[in-house]
């Protein structure tokens, strides 16, 4: 329910304050069809909605954990350290613009961790190819 949202919670207020809120809300928006609904302090949240919110929160938490692990696993690549080229190994070309966006995505922290994912590789690799599909 709303109190389970990050940074949100429900608060009990005295009736006099509630009446003031309702009066002010009705004077500002008198045609509001929702009016001012009240709930007893011992009201229970909807069980189905609570379950759905729990599932969504779990999925979001799993995604956050996955992205954090992904960021940690790719730290060396994102740091920009050069990699020694071995003639017996296979290497792949990437557009530097995409690699830069990817590094920003991987090194994002805090509120920026939910930043937009970089575009897919298939679309940017096409930029490296000539009209005949070769480098």
Foldseek 3Di string as FASTA:
>chain_A
DQCPPVPGHDDDDDPVVLVVVQVVVCVVPVPDPVRRDDDPPPDDDDPVVVVVVVVVVVVVVVVLVVLLVVLVVCVVVLVVDDDDDDPVDDDDDFPVVQSPVQSCQSPDDDPCVPPDHGDDRVVRVQVVADPVRHD
